[in-house]
Amino acid sequence: MAVLPTQFAVQTRQSANWNDARRRVIALYRNWVRAAPEIQVMYSVPLPVSVIRTRIRQEFERHRFVNKLAVTDVLLVKGNADYQETMNYWRQTNHIMSYFNGDNLGGDKKLPANFMSGFLQGRN
């Protein structure tokens, strides 16, 4: 568990070029993957570390084909903020577990088309 709240803080900045952005993305990915065992213990996640690492990989793969440097920089800022919040134990277990339910995976469970169909399905 973190001792200092700013221990995992990363200075917000723009990438100079694509090579710089790529280096920063890989560093962020490595931080997340290395922290998977600690996340499992801290948040009492009832899943193996391999599943947590696979889900981390899926989140990074979801944004693999972003082709604008500014968008990549925003994703890096958000990823670093999420990493800091997670490692400083500023989240709750349900926040972590929400990444592992079917709604975030983009499967067949999409939002209803209109209010009435959602109401009849019992979804809100």
Protein backbone atom coordinates (compact mmCIF):
# COMPACT_ATOMS: atom_id res chain seq x y z
CA MET A 1 0.00 0.00 0.00
CA ALA A 2 1.24 3.49 -0.77
CA VAL A 3 2.74 5.64 1.95
CA LEU A 4 2.59 8.99 0.19
CA PRO A 5 -0.44 10.08 -1.84
CA THR A 6 1.86 11.54 -4.50
CA GLN A 7 4.06 8.47 -4.78
CA PHE A 8 2.38 7.32 -8.00
CA ALA A 9 1.72 10.78 -9.42
CA VAL A 10 3.03 11.49 -12.90
CA GLN A 11 3.48 14.98 -14.26
CA THR A 12 0.96 15.82 -16.98
CA ARG A 13 2.65 16.69 -20.25
CA GLN A 14 2.25 16.39 -23.99
CA SER A 15 4.14 13.84 -26.01
CA ALA A 16 6.80 15.30 -28.28
CA ASN A 17 6.20 12.72 -31.03
CA TRP A 18 4.83 9.22 -31.60
CA ASN A 19 7.97 7.54 -30.26
CA ASP A 20 7.66 9.47 -27.01
CA ALA A 21 3.97 8.57 -26.74
CA ARG A 22 4.72 4.92 -27.44
CA ARG A 23 7.38 4.87 -24.72
CA ARG A 24 4.96 6.44 -22.23
CA VAL A 25 2.17 3.99 -23.12
CA ILE A 26 4.48 1.01 -22.67
CA ALA A 27 5.68 2.36 -19.31
CA LEU A 28 2.08 2.80 -18.14
CA TYR A 29 1.17 -0.70 -19.34
CA ARG A 30 4.13 -2.20 -17.49
CA ASN A 31 3.16 -0.37 -14.30
CA TRP A 32 -0.37 -1.77 -14.49
CA VAL A 33 0.77 -5.32 -15.27
CA ARG A 34 3.36 -5.31 -12.48
CA ALA A 35 0.75 -4.04 -10.02
CA ALA A 36 -1.78 -6.79 -10.79
CA PRO A 37 -0.77 -9.05 -7.86
CA GLU A 38 -0.89 -6.12 -5.46
CA ILE A 39 -4.29 -5.04 -6.80
CA GLN A 40 -5.60 -8.56 -6.27
CA VAL A 41 -4.48 -8.55 -2.64
CA MET A 42 -5.42 -4.94 -1.81
CA TYR A 43 -8.95 -5.16 -3.19
CA SER A 44 -9.55 -8.86 -2.40
CA VAL A 45 -10.35 -9.61 -6.03
CA PRO A 46 -11.60 -13.23 -6.27
CA LEU A 47 -9.94 -13.73 -9.64
CA PRO A 48 -6.47 -15.02 -10.52
CA VAL A 49 -3.76 -12.52 -11.41
CA SER A 50 -3.77 -13.81 -15.00
CA VAL A 51 -7.39 -12.68 -15.43
CA ILE A 52 -6.56 -9.24 -14.06
CA ARG A 53 -3.61 -8.94 -16.44
CA THR A 54 -5.76 -10.07 -19.35
CA ARG A 55 -8.33 -7.41 -18.55
CA ILE A 56 -5.59 -4.77 -18.36
CA ARG A 57 -4.39 -5.92 -21.77
CA GLN A 58 -7.94 -5.66 -23.17
CA GLU A 59 -8.25 -2.07 -21.95
CA PHE A 60 -5.01 -1.11 -23.66
CA GLU A 61 -5.94 -3.01 -26.84
CA ARG A 62 -9.26 -1.16 -26.96
CA HIS A 63 -7.35 2.04 -27.74
CA ARG A 64 -4.66 0.46 -29.90
CA PHE A 65 -5.57 2.18 -33.13
CA VAL A 66 -5.88 5.75 -31.86
CA ASN A 67 -4.17 7.84 -34.51
CA LYS A 68 -4.18 11.31 -32.94
CA LEU A 69 -1.37 12.28 -30.63
CA ALA A 70 -3.58 14.57 -28.54
CA VAL A 71 -6.08 11.76 -27.90
CA THR A 72 -3.23 9.46 -26.89
CA ASP A 73 -2.01 12.09 -24.43
CA VAL A 74 -5.48 12.37 -22.87
CA LEU A 75 -5.69 8.59 -22.54
CA LEU A 76 -2.26 8.58 -20.89
CA VAL A 77 -3.35 11.22 -18.38
CA LYS A 78 -6.49 9.25 -17.56
CA GLY A 79 -4.56 5.98 -17.31
CA ASN A 80 -1.99 7.49 -14.97
CA ALA A 81 -4.74 9.00 -12.82
CA ASP A 82 -6.54 5.64 -12.64
CA TYR A 83 -3.28 3.92 -11.72
CA GLN A 84 -2.61 6.44 -8.95
CA GLU A 85 -6.15 6.12 -7.58
CA THR A 86 -5.97 2.34 -7.66
CA MET A 87 -2.57 2.01 -6.05
CA ASN A 88 -3.30 4.57 -3.33
CA TYR A 89 -6.44 2.62 -2.42
CA TRP A 90 -8.69 5.54 -3.29
CA ARG A 91 -11.16 3.19 -4.98
CA GLN A 92 -13.49 0.62 -3.57
CA THR A 93 -13.68 -3.04 -4.47
CA ASN A 94 -16.85 -2.54 -6.52
CA HIS A 95 -15.01 0.01 -8.70
CA ILE A 96 -12.36 -2.59 -9.48
CA MET A 97 -14.88 -5.39 -9.98
CA SER A 98 -16.87 -3.27 -12.44
CA TYR A 99 -14.11 -3.89 -14.97
CA PHE A 100 -14.81 -7.60 -14.84
CA ASN A 101 -18.56 -7.70 -15.37
CA GLY A 102 -20.08 -8.15 -18.82
CA ASP A 103 -21.27 -4.56 -19.21
CA ASN A 104 -17.79 -3.10 -19.62
CA LEU A 105 -16.60 -5.76 -22.02
CA GLY A 106 -18.81 -4.49 -24.83
CA GLY A 107 -20.69 -7.73 -25.27
CA ASP A 108 -24.33 -8.29 -26.11
CA LYS A 109 -25.58 -6.45 -23.03
CA LYS A 110 -26.02 -3.01 -24.56
CA LEU A 111 -28.34 -0.32 -23.26
CA PRO A 112 -31.95 -0.60 -24.36
CA ALA A 113 -33.00 1.27 -27.49
CA ASN A 114 -35.62 3.35 -25.68
CA PHE A 115 -37.08 3.91 -22.24
CA MET A 116 -40.06 1.59 -22.58
CA SER A 117 -38.05 -1.45 -23.70
CA GLY A 118 -35.62 -0.89 -20.85
CA PHE A 119 -38.49 -0.52 -18.41
CA LEU A 120 -40.07 -3.76 -19.56
CA GLN A 121 -36.74 -5.59 -19.29
CA GLY A 122 -36.30 -4.31 -15.74
CA ARG A 123 -33.14 -2.38 -16.55
CA ASN A 124 -32.54 1.22 -15.60
